[in-house]
Amino acid sequence: MPKWPNNNSRQPSVRGPDACAASWTLAEADIVKLAIGLCVEKFDANPDWEAHLANVCHDELLAVCASDRALDVANCLLECTNAAVGTFIKSIAVSETVLPGQLICSDWSQK
């Protein structure tokens, strides 16, 4: 993160919290892009899932798939997201207690 001196002092113009927030935001973007790639690779390898990403927003990946493969796809989303997080962030646990079945809903209003 570049730090440019203020006009009136030798202090950096980028405050610590701003630099930290920017670093997390940039990391989040890289994590989500990697997770997308990992999911697409797995979806392509499993055409019977009939899965595709329907929406990606900030830190969420939303997929649509064949109903009978929903648990496989939910598991894939968790695995790919955790793998992507683990690639960039080493000192924070990459998985909460989330079961794949908790990610499944029948329509967008249940999201």
PDB file of N, CA and C in Angstrom:
ATOM      1  N   MET A   1       0.861  -1.166   0.000  1.00  0.00           N
ATOM      2  CA  MET A   1       0.000   0.000   0.000  1.00  0.00           C
ATOM      3  C   MET A   1       0.907   1.230   0.000  1.00  0.00           C
ATOM      4  N   PRO A   2       0.843   2.062  -1.004  1.00  0.00           N
ATOM      5  CA  PRO A   2       1.707   3.242  -1.035  1.00  0.00           C
ATOM      6  C   PRO A   2       1.310   4.237   0.049  1.00  0.00           C
ATOM      7  N   LYS A   3       2.290   4.897   0.582  1.00  0.00           N
ATOM      8  CA  LYS A   3       2.048   5.934   1.592  1.00  0.00           C
ATOM      9  C   LYS A   3       2.686   7.225   1.091  1.00  0.00           C
ATOM     10  N   TRP A   4       1.874   8.222   0.885  1.00  0.00           N
ATOM     11  CA  TRP A   4       2.378   9.508   0.446  1.00  0.00           C
ATOM     12  C   TRP A   4       2.373  10.471   1.627  1.00  0.00           C
ATOM     13  N   PRO A   5       3.432  11.249   1.802  1.00  0.00           N
ATOM     14  CA  PRO A   5       3.454  12.164   2.950  1.00  0.00           C
ATOM     15  C   PRO A   5       2.407  13.257   2.816  1.00  0.00           C
ATOM     16  N   ASN A   6       1.872  13.641   3.959  1.00  0.00           N
ATOM     17  CA  ASN A   6       0.956  14.788   3.996  1.00  0.00           C
ATOM     18  C   ASN A   6       1.737  16.047   3.656  1.00  0.00           C
ATOM     19  N   ASN A   7       1.050  17.070   3.252  1.00  0.00           N
ATOM     20  CA  ASN A   7       1.696  18.339   2.940  1.00  0.00           C
ATOM     21  C   ASN A   7       2.321  18.992   4.166  1.00  0.00           C
ATOM     22  N   ASN A   8       1.696  18.809   5.341  1.00  0.00           N
ATOM     23  CA  ASN A   8       2.130  19.534   6.535  1.00  0.00           C
ATOM     24  C   ASN A   8       2.979  18.706   7.497  1.00  0.00           C
ATOM     25  N   SER A   9       3.219  17.457   7.210  1.00  0.00           N
ATOM     26  CA  SER A   9       3.997  16.645   8.151  1.00  0.00           C
ATOM     27  C   SER A   9       4.673  15.492   7.414  1.00  0.00           C
ATOM     28  N   ARG A  10       5.444  14.749   8.144  1.00  0.00           N
ATOM     29  CA  ARG A  10       6.098  13.575   7.568  1.00  0.00           C
ATOM     30  C   ARG A  10       5.278  12.310   7.820  1.00  0.00           C
ATOM     31  N   GLN A  11       4.077  12.482   8.354  1.00  0.00           N
ATOM     32  CA  GLN A  11       3.212  11.339   8.607  1.00  0.00           C
ATOM     33  C   GLN A  11       2.603  10.824   7.300  1.00  0.00           C
ATOM     34  N   PRO A  12       2.412   9.517   7.182  1.00  0.00           N
ATOM     35  CA  PRO A  12       1.775   8.999   5.967  1.00  0.00           C
ATOM     36  C   PRO A  12       0.332   9.477   5.861  1.00  0.00           C
ATOM     37  N   SER A  13      -0.111   9.689   4.649  1.00  0.00           N
ATOM     38  CA  SER A  13      -1.486  10.148   4.458  1.00  0.00           C
ATOM     39  C   SER A  13      -2.469   8.986   4.508  1.00  0.00           C
ATOM     40  N   VAL A  14      -1.978   7.767   4.430  1.00  0.00           N
ATOM     41  CA  VAL A  14      -2.848   6.601   4.524  1.00  0.00           C
ATOM     42  C   VAL A  14      -2.848   6.140   5.973  1.00  0.00           C
ATOM     43  N   ARG A  15      -4.020   6.222   6.611  1.00  0.00           N
ATOM     44  CA  ARG A  15      -4.124   5.794   8.003  1.00  0.00           C
ATOM     45  C   ARG A  15      -4.092   4.267   8.077  1.00  0.00           C
ATOM     46  N   GLY A  16      -3.628   3.760   9.185  1.00  0.00           N
ATOM     47  CA  GLY A  16      -3.523   2.314   9.378  1.00  0.00           C
ATOM     48  C   GLY A  16      -4.815   1.558   9.108  1.00  0.00           C
ATOM     49  N   PRO A  17      -5.955   1.997   9.685  1.00  0.00           N
ATOM     50  CA  PRO A  17      -7.212   1.281   9.431  1.00  0.00           C
ATOM     51  C   PRO A  17      -7.598   1.274   7.950  1.00  0.00           C
ATOM     52  N   ASP A  18      -7.325   2.373   7.246  1.00  0.00           N
ATOM     53  CA  ASP A  18      -7.647   2.424   5.823  1.00  0.00           C
ATOM     54  C   ASP A  18      -6.783   1.447   5.035  1.00  0.00           C
ATOM     55  N   ALA A  19      -5.509   1.386   5.374  1.00  0.00           N
ATOM     56  CA  ALA A  19      -4.598   0.471   4.693  1.00  0.00           C
ATOM     57  C   ALA A  19      -4.994  -0.973   4.960  1.00  0.00           C
ATOM     58  N   CYS A  20      -5.383  -1.262   6.181  1.00  0.00           N
ATOM     59  CA  CYS A  20      -5.806  -2.611   6.547  1.00  0.00           C
ATOM     60  C   CYS A  20      -7.084  -2.989   5.796  1.00  0.00           C
ATOM     61  N   ALA A  21      -8.052  -2.082   5.760  1.00  0.00           N
ATOM     62  CA  ALA A  21      -9.305  -2.352   5.056  1.00  0.00           C
ATOM     63  C   ALA A  21      -9.055  -2.578   3.572  1.00  0.00           C
ATOM     64  N   ALA A  22      -8.189  -1.783   2.981  1.00  0.00           N
ATOM     65  CA  ALA A  22      -7.875  -1.947   1.561  1.00  0.00           C
ATOM     66  C   ALA A  22      -7.218  -3.300   1.307  1.00  0.00           C
ATOM     67  N   SER A  23      -6.323  -3.710   2.189  1.00  0.00           N
ATOM     68  CA  SER A  23      -5.662  -5.008   2.029  1.00  0.00           C
ATOM     69  C   SER A  23      -6.660  -6.147   2.080  1.00  0.00           C
ATOM     70  N   TRP A  24      -7.606  -6.092   3.024  1.00  0.00           N
ATOM     71  CA  TRP A  24      -8.623  -7.136   3.111  1.00  0.00           C
ATOM     72  C   TRP A  24      -9.523  -7.132   1.883  1.00  0.00           C
ATOM     73  N   THR A  25      -9.898  -5.952   1.407  1.00  0.00           N
ATOM     74  CA  THR A  25     -10.759  -5.859   0.232  1.00  0.00           C
ATOM     75  C   THR A  25     -10.070  -6.461  -0.987  1.00  0.00           C
ATOM     76  N   LEU A  26      -8.788  -6.147  -1.163  1.00  0.00           N
ATOM     77  CA  LEU A  26      -8.045  -6.701  -2.295  1.00  0.00           C
ATOM     78  C   LEU A  26      -7.890  -8.211  -2.158  1.00  0.00           C
ATOM     79  N   ALA A  27      -7.652  -8.687  -0.951  1.00  0.00           N
ATOM     80  CA  ALA A  27      -7.528 -10.129  -0.727  1.00  0.00           C
ATOM     81  C   ALA A  27      -8.852 -10.824  -1.011  1.00  0.00           C
ATOM     82  N   GLU A  28      -9.949 -10.213  -0.582  1.00  0.00           N
ATOM     83  CA  GLU A  28     -11.268 -10.799  -0.815  1.00  0.00           C
ATOM     84  C   GLU A  28     -11.530 -10.978  -2.303  1.00  0.00           C
ATOM     85  N   ALA A  29     -11.178  -9.991  -3.094  1.00  0.00           N
ATOM     86  CA  ALA A  29     -11.382 -10.086  -4.538  1.00  0.00           C
ATOM     87  C   ALA A  29     -10.585 -11.245  -5.130  1.00  0.00           C
ATOM     88  N   ASP A  30      -9.339 -11.396  -4.718  1.00  0.00           N
ATOM     89  CA  ASP A  30      -8.513 -12.495  -5.219  1.00  0.00           C
ATOM     90  C   ASP A  30      -9.062 -13.840  -4.775  1.00  0.00           C
ATOM     91  N   ILE A  31      -9.509 -13.919  -3.540  1.00  0.00           N
ATOM     92  CA  ILE A  31     -10.073 -15.171  -3.020  1.00  0.00           C
ATOM     93  C   ILE A  31     -11.306 -15.571  -3.807  1.00  0.00           C
ATOM     94  N   VAL A  32     -12.207 -14.634  -4.032  1.00  0.00           N
ATOM     95  CA  VAL A  32     -13.443 -14.952  -4.747  1.00  0.00           C
ATOM     96  C   VAL A  32     -13.143 -15.364  -6.189  1.00  0.00           C
ATOM     97  N   LYS A  33     -12.220 -14.677  -6.838  1.00  0.00           N
ATOM     98  CA  LYS A  33     -11.873 -15.048  -8.220  1.00  0.00           C
ATOM     99  C   LYS A  33     -11.295 -16.452  -8.280  1.00  0.00           C
ATOM    100  N   LEU A  34     -10.439 -16.808  -7.341  1.00  0.00           N
ATOM    101  CA  LEU A  34      -9.883 -18.157  -7.314  1.00  0.00           C
ATOM    102  C   LEU A  34     -10.983 -19.176  -7.039  1.00  0.00           C
ATOM    103  N   ALA A  35     -11.867 -18.888  -6.101  1.00  0.00           N
ATOM    104  CA  ALA A  35     -12.975 -19.798  -5.788  1.00  0.00           C
ATOM    105  C   ALA A  35     -13.861 -20.011  -7.014  1.00  0.00           C
ATOM    106  N   ILE A  36     -14.108 -18.958  -7.772  1.00  0.00           N
ATOM    107  CA  ILE A  36     -14.901 -19.085  -9.008  1.00  0.00           C
ATOM    108  C   ILE A  36     -14.224 -20.064  -9.952  1.00  0.00           C
ATOM    109  N   GLY A  37     -12.936 -19.882 -10.169  1.00  0.00           N
ATOM    110  CA  GLY A  37     -12.202 -20.764 -11.075  1.00  0.00           C
ATOM    111  C   GLY A  37     -12.221 -22.209 -10.620  1.00  0.00           C
ATOM    112  N   LEU A  38     -12.039 -22.433  -9.327  1.00  0.00           N
ATOM    113  CA  LEU A  38     -12.056 -23.795  -8.797  1.00  0.00           C
ATOM    114  C   LEU A  38     -13.436 -24.432  -8.962  1.00  0.00           C
ATOM    115  N   CYS A  39     -14.494 -23.658  -8.716  1.00  0.00           N
ATOM    116  CA  CYS A  39     -15.863 -24.175  -8.885  1.00  0.00           C
ATOM    117  C   CYS A  39     -16.159 -24.507 -10.337  1.00  0.00           C
ATOM    118  N   VAL A  40     -15.822 -23.619 -11.237  1.00  0.00           N
ATOM    119  CA  VAL A  40     -16.092 -23.852 -12.654  1.00  0.00           C
ATOM    120  C   VAL A  40     -15.365 -25.109 -13.134  1.00  0.00           C
ATOM    121  N   GLU A  41     -14.128 -25.269 -12.695  1.00  0.00           N
ATOM    122  CA  GLU A  41     -13.355 -26.470 -13.045  1.00  0.00           C
ATOM    123  C   GLU A  41     -14.075 -27.736 -12.579  1.00  0.00           C
ATOM    124  N   LYS A  42     -14.556 -27.710 -11.347  1.00  0.00           N
ATOM    125  CA  LYS A  42     -15.244 -28.871 -10.783  1.00  0.00           C
ATOM    126  C   LYS A  42     -16.604 -29.077 -11.443  1.00  0.00           C
ATOM    127  N   PHE A  43     -17.318 -28.001 -11.727  1.00  0.00           N
ATOM    128  CA  PHE A  43     -18.607 -28.123 -12.418  1.00  0.00           C
ATOM    129  C   PHE A  43     -18.406 -28.749 -13.798  1.00  0.00           C
ATOM    130  N   ASP A  44     -17.387 -28.300 -14.514  1.00  0.00           N
ATOM    131  CA  ASP A  44     -17.104 -28.848 -15.845  1.00  0.00           C
ATOM    132  C   ASP A  44     -16.748 -30.323 -15.776  1.00  0.00           C
ATOM    133  N   ALA A  45     -16.099 -30.746 -14.700  1.00  0.00           N
ATOM    134  CA  ALA A  45     -15.711 -32.147 -14.543  1.00  0.00           C
ATOM    135  C   ALA A  45     -16.895 -33.029 -14.127  1.00  0.00           C
ATOM    136  N   ASN A  46     -17.998 -32.404 -13.748  1.00  0.00           N
ATOM    137  CA  ASN A  46     -19.188 -33.138 -13.303  1.00  0.00           C
ATOM    138  C   ASN A  46     -20.433 -32.635 -14.024  1.00  0.00           C
ATOM    139  N   PRO A  47     -20.547 -32.901 -15.327  1.00  0.00           N
ATOM    140  CA  PRO A  47     -21.678 -32.359 -16.094  1.00  0.00           C
ATOM    141  C   PRO A  47     -23.044 -32.839 -15.603  1.00  0.00           C
ATOM    142  N   ASP A  48     -23.092 -33.981 -14.935  1.00  0.00           N
ATOM    143  CA  ASP A  48     -24.372 -34.474 -14.423  1.00  0.00           C
ATOM    144  C   ASP A  48     -24.934 -33.587 -13.308  1.00  0.00           C
ATOM    145  N   TRP A  49     -24.094 -32.735 -12.727  1.00  0.00           N
ATOM    146  CA  TRP A  49     -24.578 -31.795 -11.719  1.00  0.00           C
ATOM    147  C   TRP A  49     -25.432 -30.694 -12.342  1.00  0.00           C
ATOM    148  N   GLU A  50     -25.237 -30.445 -13.648  1.00  0.00           N
ATOM    149  CA  GLU A  50     -25.935 -29.351 -14.346  1.00  0.00           C
ATOM    150  C   GLU A  50     -25.771 -28.042 -13.572  1.00  0.00           C
ATOM    151  N   ALA A  51     -24.579 -27.833 -13.054  1.00  0.00           N
ATOM    152  CA  ALA A  51     -24.326 -26.683 -12.176  1.00  0.00           C
ATOM    153  C   ALA A  51     -23.672 -25.530 -12.923  1.00  0.00           C
ATOM    154  N   HIS A  52     -24.050 -24.347 -12.544  1.00  0.00           N
ATOM    155  CA  HIS A  52     -23.369 -23.137 -13.006  1.00  0.00           C
ATOM    156  C   HIS A  52     -23.532 -22.061 -11.942  1.00  0.00           C
ATOM    157  N   LEU A  53     -22.591 -21.125 -11.929  1.00  0.00           N
ATOM    158  CA  LEU A  53     -22.688 -20.004 -11.002  1.00  0.00           C
ATOM    159  C   LEU A  53     -23.708 -19.021 -11.554  1.00  0.00           C
ATOM    160  N   ALA A  54     -24.696 -18.703 -10.746  1.00  0.00           N
ATOM    161  CA  ALA A  54     -25.756 -17.800 -11.172  1.00  0.00           C
ATOM    162  C   ALA A  54     -25.471 -16.364 -10.772  1.00  0.00           C
ATOM    163  N   ASN A  55     -24.701 -16.194  -9.692  1.00  0.00           N
ATOM    164  CA  ASN A  55     -24.404 -14.848  -9.215  1.00  0.00           C
ATOM    165  C   ASN A  55     -23.171 -14.906  -8.315  1.00  0.00           C
ATOM    166  N   VAL A  56     -22.386 -13.865  -8.369  1.00  0.00           N
ATOM    167  CA  VAL A  56     -21.235 -13.716  -7.485  1.00  0.00           C
ATOM    168  C   VAL A  56     -21.287 -12.284  -6.971  1.00  0.00           C
ATOM    169  N   CYS A  57     -21.265 -12.133  -5.659  1.00  0.00           N
ATOM    170  CA  CYS A  57     -21.332 -10.795  -5.073  1.00  0.00           C
ATOM    171  C   CYS A  57     -20.471 -10.754  -3.831  1.00  0.00           C
ATOM    172  N   HIS A  58     -19.452  -9.920  -3.855  1.00  0.00           N
ATOM    173  CA  HIS A  58     -18.516  -9.762  -2.737  1.00  0.00           C
ATOM    174  C   HIS A  58     -17.922 -11.101  -2.331  1.00  0.00           C
ATOM    175  N   ASP A  59     -18.438 -11.698  -1.266  1.00  0.00           N
ATOM    176  CA  ASP A  59     -17.867 -12.953  -0.779  1.00  0.00           C
ATOM    177  C   ASP A  59     -18.865 -14.112  -0.899  1.00  0.00           C
ATOM    178  N   GLU A  60     -19.809 -14.000  -1.819  1.00  0.00           N
ATOM    179  CA  GLU A  60     -20.814 -15.049  -1.998  1.00  0.00           C
ATOM    180  C   GLU A  60     -20.762 -15.606  -3.407  1.00  0.00           C
ATOM    181  N   LEU A  61     -20.848 -16.925  -3.498  1.00  0.00           N
ATOM    182  CA  LEU A  61     -20.995 -17.613  -4.778  1.00  0.00           C
ATOM    183  C   LEU A  61     -22.347 -18.306  -4.745  1.00  0.00           C
ATOM    184  N   LEU A  62     -23.202 -18.013  -5.696  1.00  0.00           N
ATOM    185  CA  LEU A  62     -24.522 -18.625  -5.763  1.00  0.00           C
ATOM    186  C   LEU A  62     -24.589 -19.507  -7.001  1.00  0.00           C
ATOM    187  N   ALA A  63     -24.945 -20.763  -6.797  1.00  0.00           N
ATOM    188  CA  ALA A  63     -24.986 -21.719  -7.900  1.00  0.00           C
ATOM    189  C   ALA A  63     -26.393 -22.259  -8.087  1.00  0.00           C
ATOM    190  N   VAL A  64     -26.672 -22.669  -9.317  1.00  0.00           N
ATOM    191  CA  VAL A  64     -27.912 -23.346  -9.678  1.00  0.00           C
ATOM    192  C   VAL A  64     -27.500 -24.709 -10.202  1.00  0.00           C
ATOM    193  N   CYS A  65     -28.280 -25.746  -9.852  1.00  0.00           N
ATOM    194  CA  CYS A  65     -27.892 -27.091 -10.261  1.00  0.00           C
ATOM    195  C   CYS A  65     -29.104 -28.011 -10.295  1.00  0.00           C
ATOM    196  N   ALA A  66     -28.877 -29.243 -10.739  1.00  0.00           N
ATOM    197  CA  ALA A  66     -29.916 -30.265 -10.703  1.00  0.00           C
ATOM    198  C   ALA A  66     -30.270 -30.532  -9.236  1.00  0.00           C
ATOM    199  N   SER A  67     -31.555 -30.643  -8.937  1.00  0.00           N
ATOM    200  CA  SER A  67     -32.010 -30.810  -7.554  1.00  0.00           C
ATOM    201  C   SER A  67     -31.368 -32.000  -6.861  1.00  0.00           C
ATOM    202  N   ASP A  68     -31.233 -33.096  -7.581  1.00  0.00           N
ATOM    203  CA  ASP A  68     -30.685 -34.301  -6.948  1.00  0.00           C
ATOM    204  C   ASP A  68     -29.174 -34.231  -6.726  1.00  0.00           C
ATOM    205  N   ARG A  69     -28.526 -33.171  -7.206  1.00  0.00           N
ATOM    206  CA  ARG A  69     -27.079 -32.990  -7.003  1.00  0.00           C
ATOM    207  C   ARG A  69     -26.761 -31.781  -6.127  1.00  0.00           C
ATOM    208  N   ALA A  70     -27.787 -31.220  -5.487  1.00  0.00           N
ATOM    209  CA  ALA A  70     -27.607 -30.001  -4.704  1.00  0.00           C
ATOM    210  C   ALA A  70     -26.575 -30.182  -3.582  1.00  0.00           C
ATOM    211  N   LEU A  71     -26.581 -31.317  -2.919  1.00  0.00           N
ATOM    212  CA  LEU A  71     -25.625 -31.539  -1.837  1.00  0.00           C
ATOM    213  C   LEU A  71     -24.196 -31.619  -2.367  1.00  0.00           C
ATOM    214  N   ASP A  72     -24.015 -32.252  -3.535  1.00  0.00           N
ATOM    215  CA  ASP A  72     -22.682 -32.294  -4.158  1.00  0.00           C
ATOM    216  C   ASP A  72     -22.190 -30.891  -4.490  1.00  0.00           C
ATOM    217  N   VAL A  73     -23.067 -30.082  -5.033  1.00  0.00           N
ATOM    218  CA  VAL A  73     -22.696 -28.718  -5.432  1.00  0.00           C
ATOM    219  C   VAL A  73     -22.428 -27.854  -4.197  1.00  0.00           C
ATOM    220  N   ALA A  74     -23.250 -27.989  -3.170  1.00  0.00           N
ATOM    221  CA  ALA A  74     -23.018 -27.229  -1.939  1.00  0.00           C
ATOM    222  C   ALA A  74     -21.668 -27.611  -1.325  1.00  0.00           C
ATOM    223  N   ASN A  75     -21.370 -28.895  -1.325  1.00  0.00           N
ATOM    224  CA  ASN A  75     -20.084 -29.363  -0.813  1.00  0.00           C
ATOM    225  C   ASN A  75     -18.941 -28.797  -1.652  1.00  0.00           C
ATOM    226  N   CYS A  76     -19.110 -28.774  -2.959  1.00  0.00           N
ATOM    227  CA  CYS A  76     -18.116 -28.218  -3.871  1.00  0.00           C
ATOM    228  C   CYS A  76     -17.881 -26.735  -3.566  1.00  0.00           C
ATOM    229  N   LEU A  77     -18.945 -25.972  -3.371  1.00  0.00           N
ATOM    230  CA  LEU A  77     -18.818 -24.549  -3.064  1.00  0.00           C
ATOM    231  C   LEU A  77     -18.024 -24.333  -1.777  1.00  0.00           C
ATOM    232  N   LEU A  78     -18.324 -25.123  -0.751  1.00  0.00           N
ATOM    233  CA  LEU A  78     -17.580 -25.003   0.508  1.00  0.00           C
ATOM    234  C   LEU A  78     -16.114 -25.367   0.325  1.00  0.00           C
ATOM    235  N   GLU A  79     -15.853 -26.482  -0.354  1.00  0.00           N
ATOM    236  CA  GLU A  79     -14.470 -26.925  -0.555  1.00  0.00           C
ATOM    237  C   GLU A  79     -13.668 -25.904  -1.360  1.00  0.00           C
ATOM    238  N   CYS A  80     -14.255 -25.408  -2.441  1.00  0.00           N
ATOM    239  CA  CYS A  80     -13.546 -24.452  -3.302  1.00  0.00           C
ATOM    240  C   CYS A  80     -13.312 -23.128  -2.588  1.00  0.00           C
ATOM    241  N   THR A  81     -14.303 -22.669  -1.838  1.00  0.00           N
ATOM    242  CA  THR A  81     -14.145 -21.414  -1.096  1.00  0.00           C
ATOM    243  C   THR A  81     -13.070 -21.564  -0.019  1.00  0.00           C
ATOM    244  N   ASN A  82     -13.110 -22.661   0.711  1.00  0.00           N
ATOM    245  CA  ASN A  82     -12.100 -22.884   1.754  1.00  0.00           C
ATOM    246  C   ASN A  82     -10.705 -23.018   1.157  1.00  0.00           C
ATOM    247  N   ALA A  83     -10.598 -23.694   0.010  1.00  0.00           N
ATOM    248  CA  ALA A  83      -9.291 -23.822  -0.646  1.00  0.00           C
ATOM    249  C   ALA A  83      -8.775 -22.455  -1.083  1.00  0.00           C
ATOM    250  N   ALA A  84      -9.659 -21.625  -1.615  1.00  0.00           N
ATOM    251  CA  ALA A  84      -9.257 -20.288  -2.064  1.00  0.00           C
ATOM    252  C   ALA A  84      -8.813 -19.430  -0.881  1.00  0.00           C
ATOM    253  N   VAL A  85      -9.569 -19.457   0.202  1.00  0.00           N
ATOM    254  CA  VAL A  85      -9.193 -18.682   1.390  1.00  0.00           C
ATOM    255  C   VAL A  85      -7.841 -19.166   1.904  1.00  0.00           C
ATOM    256  N   GLY A  86      -7.664 -20.474   1.981  1.00  0.00           N
ATOM    257  CA  GLY A  86      -6.435 -21.043   2.496  1.00  0.00           C
ATOM    258  C   GLY A  86      -5.213 -20.729   1.659  1.00  0.00           C
ATOM    259  N   THR A  87      -5.413 -20.421   0.403  1.00  0.00           N
ATOM    260  CA  THR A  87      -4.307 -20.045  -0.477  1.00  0.00           C
ATOM    261  C   THR A  87      -3.723 -18.692  -0.086  1.00  0.00           C
ATOM    262  N   PHE A  88      -4.576 -17.788   0.350  1.00  0.00           N
ATOM    263  CA  PHE A  88      -4.151 -16.419   0.638  1.00  0.00           C
ATOM    264  C   PHE A  88      -3.982 -16.111   2.119  1.00  0.00           C
ATOM    265  N   ILE A  89      -4.776 -16.750   2.958  1.00  0.00           N
ATOM    266  CA  ILE A  89      -4.772 -16.419   4.383  1.00  0.00           C
ATOM    267  C   ILE A  89      -4.398 -17.675   5.165  1.00  0.00           C
ATOM    268  N   LYS A  90      -3.247 -17.635   5.800  1.00  0.00           N
ATOM    269  CA  LYS A  90      -2.716 -18.815   6.487  1.00  0.00           C
ATOM    270  C   LYS A  90      -3.020 -18.849   7.975  1.00  0.00           C
ATOM    271  N   SER A  91      -3.187 -17.706   8.605  1.00  0.00           N
ATOM    272  CA  SER A  91      -3.273 -17.682  10.059  1.00  0.00           C
ATOM    273  C   SER A  91      -4.702 -17.584  10.597  1.00  0.00           C
ATOM    274  N   ILE A  92      -5.689 -17.656   9.733  1.00  0.00           N
ATOM    275  CA  ILE A  92      -7.084 -17.599  10.166  1.00  0.00           C
ATOM    276  C   ILE A  92      -7.753 -18.886   9.723  1.00  0.00           C
ATOM    277  N   ALA A  93      -8.539 -19.483  10.605  1.00  0.00           N
ATOM    278  CA  ALA A  93      -9.256 -20.712  10.241  1.00  0.00           C
ATOM    279  C   ALA A  93     -10.113 -20.447   9.008  1.00  0.00           C
ATOM    280  N   VAL A  94     -10.094 -21.363   8.068  1.00  0.00           N
ATOM    281  CA  VAL A  94     -10.808 -21.131   6.809  1.00  0.00           C
ATOM    282  C   VAL A  94     -12.202 -21.734   6.786  1.00  0.00           C
ATOM    283  N   SER A  95     -12.607 -22.369   7.861  1.00  0.00           N
ATOM    284  CA  SER A  95     -13.922 -22.988   7.842  1.00  0.00           C
ATOM    285  C   SER A  95     -14.645 -22.789   9.163  1.00  0.00           C
ATOM    286  N   GLU A  96     -15.861 -22.332   9.063  1.00  0.00           N
ATOM    287  CA  GLU A  96     -16.736 -22.275  10.222  1.00  0.00           C
ATOM    288  C   GLU A  96     -17.495 -23.595  10.253  1.00  0.00           C
ATOM    289  N   THR A  97     -18.329 -23.755  11.255  1.00  0.00           N
ATOM    290  CA  THR A  97     -19.148 -24.959  11.305  1.00  0.00           C
ATOM    291  C   THR A  97     -20.364 -24.730  10.419  1.00  0.00           C
ATOM    292  N   VAL A  98     -20.178 -24.945   9.131  1.00  0.00           N
ATOM    293  CA  VAL A  98     -21.253 -24.821   8.153  1.00  0.00           C
ATOM    294  C   VAL A  98     -21.351 -26.149   7.432  1.00  0.00           C
ATOM    295  N   LEU A  99     -22.522 -26.725   7.460  1.00  0.00           N
ATOM    296  CA  LEU A  99     -22.746 -27.979   6.754  1.00  0.00           C
ATOM    297  C   LEU A  99     -23.251 -27.676   5.353  1.00  0.00           C
ATOM    298  N   PRO A 100     -22.826 -28.461   4.365  1.00  0.00           N
ATOM    299  CA  PRO A 100     -23.271 -28.192   2.992  1.00  0.00           C
ATOM    300  C   PRO A 100     -24.783 -28.089   2.856  1.00  0.00           C
ATOM    301  N   GLY A 101     -25.520 -28.906   3.588  1.00  0.00           N
ATOM    302  CA  GLY A 101     -26.978 -28.867   3.502  1.00  0.00           C
ATOM    303  C   GLY A 101     -27.580 -27.538   3.925  1.00  0.00           C
ATOM    304  N   GLN A 102     -26.868 -26.783   4.760  1.00  0.00           N
ATOM    305  CA  GLN A 102     -27.356 -25.478   5.205  1.00  0.00           C
ATOM    306  C   GLN A 102     -27.304 -24.440   4.085  1.00  0.00           C
ATOM    307  N   LEU A 103     -26.588 -24.733   3.019  1.00  0.00           N
ATOM    308  CA  LEU A 103     -26.440 -23.787   1.917  1.00  0.00           C
ATOM    309  C   LEU A 103     -27.527 -23.942   0.861  1.00  0.00           C
ATOM    310  N   ILE A 104     -28.328 -24.981   0.966  1.00  0.00           N
ATOM    311  CA  ILE A 104     -29.298 -25.312  -0.087  1.00  0.00           C
ATOM    312  C   ILE A 104     -30.646 -24.648   0.196  1.00  0.00           C
ATOM    313  N   CYS A 105     -31.207 -24.010  -0.835  1.00  0.00           N
ATOM    314  CA  CYS A 105     -32.550 -23.461  -0.753  1.00  0.00           C
ATOM    315  C   CYS A 105     -33.234 -23.670  -2.105  1.00  0.00           C
ATOM    316  N   SER A 106     -34.547 -23.614  -2.111  1.00  0.00           N
ATOM    317  CA  SER A 106     -35.280 -23.912  -3.347  1.00  0.00           C
ATOM    318  C   SER A 106     -35.537 -22.687  -4.206  1.00  0.00           C
ATOM    319  N   ASP A 107     -35.438 -21.486  -3.615  1.00  0.00           N
ATOM    320  CA  ASP A 107     -35.570 -20.277  -4.432  1.00  0.00           C
ATOM    321  C   ASP A 107     -34.838 -19.113  -3.760  1.00  0.00           C
ATOM    322  N   TRP A 108     -34.708 -18.024  -4.486  1.00  0.00           N
ATOM    323  CA  TRP A 108     -33.900 -16.890  -4.027  1.00  0.00           C
ATOM    324  C   TRP A 108     -34.453 -16.243  -2.768  1.00  0.00           C
ATOM    325  N   SER A 109     -35.753 -16.344  -2.524  1.00  0.00           N
ATOM    326  CA  SER A 109     -36.321 -15.703  -1.333  1.00  0.00           C
ATOM    327  C   SER A 109     -35.847 -16.380  -0.048  1.00  0.00           C
ATOM    328  N   GLN A 110     -35.373 -17.607  -0.127  1.00  0.00           N
ATOM    329  CA  GLN A 110     -34.862 -18.329   1.042  1.00  0.00           C
ATOM    330  C   GLN A 110     -33.400 -18.038   1.304  1.00  0.00           C
ATOM    331  N   LYS A 111     -32.738 -17.356   0.406  1.00  0.00           N
ATOM    332  CA  LYS A 111     -31.309 -17.064   0.530  1.00  0.00           C
ATOM    333  C   LYS A 111     -31.033 -16.248   1.751  1.00  0.00           C
TER     334      LYS A 111
END
